[in-house]
Protein backbone atom coordinates (compact mmCIF):
# COMPACT_ATOMS: atom_id res chain seq x y z
CA MET A 1 1.92 19.44 -0.35
CA LEU A 2 -0.64 18.92 2.39
CA SER A 3 -3.53 19.69 0.04
CA LEU A 4 -2.13 17.25 -2.55
CA LYS A 5 -1.90 14.53 0.08
CA ARG A 6 -5.45 15.22 1.24
CA LEU A 7 -6.65 15.18 -2.39
CA LEU A 8 -4.97 11.82 -2.96
CA ASP A 9 -6.54 10.50 0.27
CA ARG A 10 -10.05 11.48 -0.74
CA SER A 11 -10.22 11.34 -4.54
CA LEU A 12 -10.16 8.12 -6.51
CA THR A 13 -9.82 10.20 -9.69
CA ALA A 14 -6.64 11.85 -8.41
CA GLN A 15 -5.23 8.45 -7.48
CA ALA A 16 -6.14 7.07 -10.90
CA THR A 17 -4.44 10.02 -12.62
CA LEU A 18 -1.29 9.50 -10.57
CA VAL A 19 -1.24 5.75 -11.30
CA PHE A 20 -1.80 6.43 -15.01
CA LEU A 21 1.07 8.93 -15.21
CA LEU A 22 3.43 6.68 -13.26
CA GLY A 23 2.42 3.68 -15.37
CA LEU A 24 2.97 5.69 -18.55
CA GLY A 25 6.42 6.81 -17.45
CA ILE A 26 7.51 3.34 -16.34
CA THR A 27 6.11 1.72 -19.48
CA ALA A 28 7.87 4.27 -21.67
CA LEU A 29 11.10 3.70 -19.75
CA PHE A 30 11.10 -0.08 -20.08
CA ARG A 31 9.47 -0.42 -23.51
CA LYS A 32 11.25 2.20 -25.56
CA ASP A 33 10.95 0.23 -28.79
CA GLU A 34 7.13 0.07 -28.73
CA HIS A 35 4.76 2.62 -30.20
CA PRO A 36 3.63 5.37 -27.76
CA ALA A 37 0.01 4.32 -28.28
CA LEU A 38 0.89 0.98 -26.68
CA TRP A 39 2.41 2.85 -23.75
CA VAL A 40 -0.89 4.63 -23.22
CA PHE A 41 -2.84 1.38 -23.61
CA HIS A 42 -0.68 -0.48 -21.10
CA SER A 43 -0.82 2.40 -18.64
CA ALA A 44 -4.62 2.57 -18.97
CA LEU A 45 -4.83 -1.18 -18.39
CA TYR A 46 -2.66 -0.97 -15.27
CA THR A 47 -4.70 1.98 -14.04
CA GLY A 48 -7.98 0.14 -14.60
CA VAL A 49 -6.81 -2.86 -12.59
CA ALA A 50 -5.41 -0.70 -9.78
CA VAL A 51 -8.55 1.45 -9.55
CA ALA A 52 -10.82 -1.61 -9.54
CA VAL A 53 -8.86 -3.19 -6.68
CA LEU A 54 -8.77 0.09 -4.76
CA ALA A 55 -12.50 0.73 -5.25
CA VAL A 56 -13.38 -2.75 -3.98
CA GLN A 57 -11.13 -2.31 -0.93
CA ARG A 58 -12.60 1.11 -0.17
CA ARG A 59 -16.17 -0.11 -0.56
CA ARG A 60 -15.55 -3.11 1.70
CA ALA A 61 -13.83 -0.99 4.36
CA ALA A 62 -16.50 1.72 4.23
CA ARG A 63 -19.24 -0.90 4.59
CA ALA A 64 -17.48 -2.52 7.55
CA VAL A 65 -17.03 0.83 9.28
CA GLY A 66 -20.43 2.26 8.38
CA THR A 67 -19.31 5.43 6.63
CA ASP A 68 -18.56 6.73 3.15
CA ALA A 69 -15.16 6.96 1.44
CA GLY A 70 -14.62 10.57 2.58
CA GLY A 71 -15.39 9.67 6.17
CA LEU A 72 -13.06 6.72 5.90
CA ALA A 73 -10.26 9.00 4.69
CA ASP A 74 -10.89 11.37 7.62
CA LEU A 75 -10.81 8.52 10.11
CA ASN A 76 -7.54 7.22 8.64
CA ARG A 77 -6.07 10.73 8.85
CA LYS A 78 -7.10 10.94 12.51
CA ILE A 79 -5.43 7.60 13.18
CA ARG A 80 -2.22 8.84 11.56
CA HIS A 81 -2.30 12.03 13.66
CA HIS A 82 -3.35 10.28 16.89
CA GLU A 83 -6.59 12.28 17.14
CA VAL A 84 -9.45 10.67 19.06
CA PRO A 85 -12.82 11.89 17.75
CA GLN A 86 -15.15 13.57 20.24
CA ASP A 87 -18.38 12.59 18.49
CA PRO A 88 -19.73 9.24 19.79
CA GLN A 89 -20.74 8.13 16.29
CA GLN A 90 -17.26 8.86 14.96
CA GLN A 91 -15.76 7.04 17.92
CA ALA A 92 -17.86 3.97 17.17
CA ALA A 93 -16.85 4.12 13.50
CA MET A 94 -13.21 4.57 14.54
CA ARG A 95 -13.45 1.52 16.82
CA ARG A 96 -14.81 -0.58 13.96
CA LEU A 97 -12.14 0.71 11.59
CA VAL A 98 -9.29 0.04 14.03
CA ALA A 99 -10.63 -3.43 14.81
CA GLU A 100 -11.01 -4.21 11.09
CA GLN A 101 -7.52 -3.00 10.20
CA LEU A 102 -5.89 -4.75 13.16
CA GLY A 103 -7.65 -7.97 12.20
CA GLN A 104 -6.49 -7.67 8.60
CA MET A 105 -2.91 -7.00 9.61
CA GLU A 106 -2.86 -9.88 12.07
CA ARG A 107 -4.28 -12.27 9.45
CA ALA A 108 -1.75 -11.04 6.90
CA GLY A 109 1.03 -11.45 9.46
CA LYS A 110 0.69 -15.21 9.20
CA TRP A 111 1.85 -15.03 5.59
CA LEU A 112 4.73 -12.61 6.18
CA PRO A 113 7.40 -15.27 6.85
CA TYR A 114 6.42 -17.08 3.67
CA TRP A 115 6.61 -13.85 1.66
CA LEU A 116 10.03 -13.07 3.11
CA GLY A 117 11.14 -16.63 2.32
CA VAL A 118 10.02 -16.30 -1.30
CA MET A 119 11.87 -12.99 -1.61
CA GLY A 120 14.98 -14.71 -0.22
CA LEU A 121 14.62 -17.52 -2.75
CA VAL A 122 14.30 -14.98 -5.56
CA VAL A 123 17.53 -13.29 -4.42
CA VAL A 124 19.32 -16.65 -4.21
CA GLY A 125 18.03 -17.55 -7.69
CA ILE A 126 19.29 -14.25 -9.11
CA PHE A 127 22.68 -14.89 -7.46
CA VAL A 128 22.84 -18.35 -9.04
CA LEU A 129 21.94 -16.95 -12.45
CA GLY A 130 24.55 -14.22 -11.99
CA ALA A 131 27.22 -16.73 -11.01
CA VAL A 132 26.41 -18.89 -14.04
CA SER A 133 26.54 -15.89 -16.39
CA GLY A 134 29.70 -14.53 -14.75
CA SER A 135 28.33 -11.17 -13.64
CA LEU A 136 27.53 -10.48 -10.00
CA VAL A 137 26.94 -6.73 -10.26
CA PHE A 138 23.22 -6.95 -11.04
CA PRO A 139 22.58 -9.71 -8.46
CA LEU A 140 24.29 -7.65 -5.76
CA LEU A 141 22.28 -4.55 -6.64
CA PHE A 142 19.11 -6.64 -6.76
CA ALA A 143 19.90 -8.19 -3.35
CA VAL A 144 20.48 -4.76 -1.81
CA GLY A 145 17.23 -3.49 -3.32
CA MET A 146 15.33 -6.54 -2.08
CA VAL A 147 16.73 -6.18 1.45
CA MET A 148 15.74 -2.52 1.42
CA LEU A 149 12.23 -3.37 0.16
CA CYS A 150 11.70 -6.10 2.78
CA SER A 151 13.03 -3.84 5.52
CA TRP A 152 10.70 -1.06 4.42
CA VAL A 153 7.70 -3.44 4.41
CA LEU A 154 8.53 -4.69 7.91
CA TRP A 155 9.08 -1.14 9.20
CA MET A 156 5.79 0.13 7.71
CA ARG A 157 3.92 -2.86 9.11
CA ARG A 158 5.33 -2.31 12.60
CA ARG A 159 4.60 1.41 12.40
CA SER A 160 1.00 0.81 11.31
CA MET A 161 0.45 -1.80 14.00
CA ASP A 162 1.80 0.60 16.65
CA ARG A 163 -0.52 3.38 15.47
CA LEU A 164 -3.54 1.10 15.43
CA ARG A 165 -2.78 -0.35 18.87
CA ARG A 166 -2.24 3.14 20.29
CA MET A 167 -5.57 4.29 18.85
CA HIS A 168 -7.28 1.14 20.13
CA GLY A 169 -6.00 1.93 23.63
CA ALA A 170 -7.04 5.58 23.39
CA LEU A 171 -10.53 4.61 22.23
CA ARG A 172 -10.84 2.09 25.06
CA GLN A 173 -10.07 4.84 27.58
CA GLN A 174 -12.88 6.98 26.16
């Protein structure tokens, strides 16, 4: 499992394969009446968009930090495991990476209340549609799922911010 996780951290091809297979399964699940060739086409389209976005993000982050994609994956792994690099060049790259990620998360934090508000409006809209149609089972399940999703997003954000702040403090002590 550890080697699979490391492979997915480092390899864009492995990530693309995983996205393609997930997209194929989800497309096949929701579009049973379509031809399987369309499933493959849709999955390839989703994979192409996801890989393009991921490649641009990786390139921008690697340029900001001053390393390659493999070095970026190693630095992110060290942040997750609370390991401070001993090499001064790696420490400088880690400082830039932590500062970049903290800045991104703080800028994105301004939009978090709006995103949560939109998700709340979607849930209310689904409840209204359910009340009009006479069935509240799906709206209740959707509301529970949306609360779980929003809670997970907030938890992951807090966890990432804590890790980055802890690493920022550890790097400042060095």
